[in-house]
Amino acid sequence: MRRVREILRYRFEQGLGHKAISYRVGAAPSTVRETLRRAAVAGLAWPLGADVSDAVLEAALYRAAGTKTGHRRCPEPDWAAIHRELKRKHVTLQIVWDEYIAQHPEGYRYSRFCDLYRGWAAKLPVTMRATRWLSWSTG
């Protein structure tokens, strides 16, 4: 929170720009920009009052942290269960997707579903057991 206080001080007391502030506090200009945006949204005014502790400041700036769903706004399938299902005979990704979309009508469309599954499957470790048979010949 010390860095946040420095960013606010440099901006409101000295009127510095994002790059100058970023150079002084050792943060990226995008971090400075985002911190100032969050301060504006939170309605913080400089100078901060004596009652604004680090905990209060953090709560004001980052109250929505962890609530954003990111680019995946649909119900996430259980990729491990899907992977196990696909090992069974006559089970295809189309069949698994049909079951998924029946449960979640607002879920991923087929092409995105396939892309996400293939991305998940690509991260699986590739292992193979190598059994070596030793043949001892007597001769």
Protein backbone atom coordinates (compact mmCIF):
# COMPACT_ATOMS: atom_id res chain seq x y z
CA MET A 1 0.00 0.00 0.00
CA ARG A 2 3.03 2.24 0.35
CA ARG A 3 3.40 2.23 -3.42
CA VAL A 4 -0.28 3.14 -3.87
CA ARG A 5 0.13 6.08 -1.51
CA GLU A 6 3.23 7.21 -3.44
CA ILE A 7 1.38 6.97 -6.75
CA LEU A 8 -1.47 9.09 -5.41
CA ARG A 9 0.92 11.61 -3.87
CA TYR A 10 2.98 12.02 -7.06
CA ARG A 11 -0.17 12.44 -9.12
CA PHE A 12 -2.08 14.88 -6.94
CA GLU A 13 0.69 16.85 -5.25
CA GLN A 14 3.18 17.06 -8.11
CA GLY A 15 0.88 16.47 -11.09
CA LEU A 16 3.21 13.91 -12.68
CA GLY A 17 2.19 11.71 -15.60
CA HIS A 18 1.98 7.91 -15.66
CA LYS A 19 5.50 7.38 -17.03
CA ALA A 20 7.16 9.74 -14.56
CA ILE A 21 5.30 8.15 -11.65
CA SER A 22 6.13 4.65 -12.87
CA TYR A 23 9.82 5.54 -13.06
CA ARG A 24 9.81 6.92 -9.51
CA VAL A 25 7.90 4.09 -7.82
CA GLY A 26 9.37 1.25 -9.90
CA ALA A 27 6.12 0.03 -11.44
CA ALA A 28 4.87 -0.31 -14.99
CA PRO A 29 2.93 2.65 -16.44
CA SER A 30 -0.07 0.36 -16.85
CA THR A 31 0.04 -0.40 -13.11
CA VAL A 32 0.08 3.32 -12.32
CA ARG A 33 -2.81 3.92 -14.73
CA GLU A 34 -4.85 1.07 -13.20
CA THR A 35 -4.15 2.25 -9.64
CA LEU A 36 -5.28 5.78 -10.50
CA ARG A 37 -8.39 4.41 -12.23
CA ARG A 38 -9.26 2.33 -9.18
CA ALA A 39 -8.74 5.36 -6.91
CA ALA A 40 -11.09 7.42 -9.09
CA VAL A 41 -13.74 4.68 -9.06
CA ALA A 42 -13.41 4.35 -5.28
CA GLY A 43 -13.81 8.13 -4.91
CA LEU A 44 -10.55 8.60 -3.03
CA ALA A 45 -9.38 12.17 -2.61
CA TRP A 46 -5.85 13.34 -1.87
CA PRO A 47 -4.64 13.80 0.77
CA LEU A 48 -5.96 10.64 2.31
CA GLY A 49 -7.44 11.11 5.74
CA ALA A 50 -5.74 9.92 8.90
CA ASP A 51 -8.46 7.29 9.28
CA VAL A 52 -7.46 5.62 5.97
CA SER A 53 -5.30 2.70 7.05
CA ASP A 54 -3.68 0.26 4.65
CA ALA A 55 -6.55 -2.18 5.17
CA VAL A 56 -9.17 0.47 4.40
CA LEU A 57 -7.23 1.63 1.34
CA GLU A 58 -6.87 -1.92 0.06
CA ALA A 59 -10.57 -2.61 0.59
CA ALA A 60 -11.52 0.56 -1.30
CA LEU A 61 -9.26 -0.15 -4.26
CA TYR A 62 -9.59 -3.91 -4.57
CA ARG A 63 -13.05 -4.72 -3.24
CA ALA A 64 -14.08 -6.46 -6.46
CA ALA A 65 -10.88 -8.52 -6.71
CA GLY A 66 -11.58 -12.16 -7.32
CA THR A 67 -15.14 -11.61 -8.54
CA LYS A 68 -14.37 -11.13 -12.22
CA THR A 69 -14.96 -14.26 -14.23
CA GLY A 70 -12.51 -13.33 -16.95
CA HIS A 71 -12.95 -14.54 -20.51
CA ARG A 72 -14.71 -17.73 -19.43
CA ARG A 73 -18.22 -16.66 -18.58
CA CYS A 74 -19.91 -19.99 -19.18
CA PRO A 75 -20.21 -22.93 -16.78
CA GLU A 76 -16.89 -24.76 -16.84
CA PRO A 77 -17.11 -28.48 -17.65
CA ASP A 78 -15.21 -31.09 -15.67
CA TRP A 79 -12.44 -31.66 -18.21
CA ALA A 80 -11.02 -34.67 -16.36
CA ALA A 81 -14.41 -36.42 -16.44
CA ILE A 82 -14.77 -35.60 -20.13
CA HIS A 83 -11.31 -36.98 -20.79
CA ARG A 84 -12.24 -40.24 -19.03
CA GLU A 85 -15.51 -40.44 -20.99
CA LEU A 86 -13.70 -40.04 -24.29
CA LYS A 87 -11.62 -43.14 -23.55
CA ARG A 88 -14.77 -45.26 -23.71
CA LYS A 89 -15.81 -46.94 -26.96
CA HIS A 90 -18.06 -44.97 -29.32
CA VAL A 91 -17.90 -41.77 -27.24
CA THR A 92 -17.04 -38.64 -29.21
CA LEU A 93 -16.53 -35.03 -28.30
CA GLN A 94 -19.81 -34.24 -30.07
CA ILE A 95 -21.72 -36.63 -27.79
CA VAL A 96 -20.07 -35.23 -24.68
CA TRP A 97 -20.84 -31.67 -25.82
CA ASP A 98 -24.49 -32.61 -26.46
CA GLU A 99 -24.74 -33.79 -22.85
CA TYR A 100 -23.01 -30.62 -21.61
CA ILE A 101 -25.26 -28.28 -23.59
CA ALA A 102 -28.36 -30.15 -22.42
CA GLN A 103 -27.36 -29.38 -18.80
CA HIS A 104 -26.12 -25.83 -19.53
CA PRO A 105 -28.03 -24.26 -22.46
CA GLU A 106 -26.09 -21.01 -22.01
CA GLY A 107 -22.77 -22.92 -22.12
CA TYR A 108 -19.98 -22.96 -24.67
CA ARG A 109 -20.79 -23.54 -28.32
CA TYR A 110 -19.27 -26.65 -29.85
CA SER A 111 -16.17 -25.10 -31.43
CA ARG A 112 -15.18 -23.23 -28.24
CA PHE A 113 -15.87 -26.36 -26.18
CA CYS A 114 -13.52 -28.36 -28.42
CA ASP A 115 -10.83 -25.67 -28.30
CA LEU A 116 -10.95 -25.53 -24.50
CA TYR A 117 -10.85 -29.31 -24.19
CA ARG A 118 -7.90 -29.62 -26.56
CA GLY A 119 -6.09 -26.85 -24.67
CA TRP A 120 -6.71 -28.69 -21.40
CA ALA A 121 -5.64 -32.04 -22.86
CA ALA A 122 -2.45 -30.54 -24.30
CA LYS A 123 -1.29 -29.74 -20.76
CA LEU A 124 -1.51 -33.37 -19.65
CA PRO A 125 1.81 -35.08 -19.14
CA VAL A 126 2.72 -37.53 -21.84
CA THR A 127 4.08 -40.69 -20.29
CA MET A 128 4.66 -44.18 -21.54
CA ARG A 129 5.84 -47.16 -19.62
CA ALA A 130 8.80 -48.84 -21.15
CA THR A 131 9.03 -52.46 -20.17
CA ARG A 132 12.37 -53.95 -20.98
CA TRP A 133 12.70 -57.65 -21.31
CA LEU A 134 16.12 -58.98 -20.67
CA SER A 135 17.00 -62.09 -22.49
CA TRP A 136 19.78 -64.12 -21.02
CA SER A 137 21.28 -66.49 -23.40
CA THR A 138 23.35 -69.32 -22.20
CA GLY A 139 25.80 -70.51 -24.53
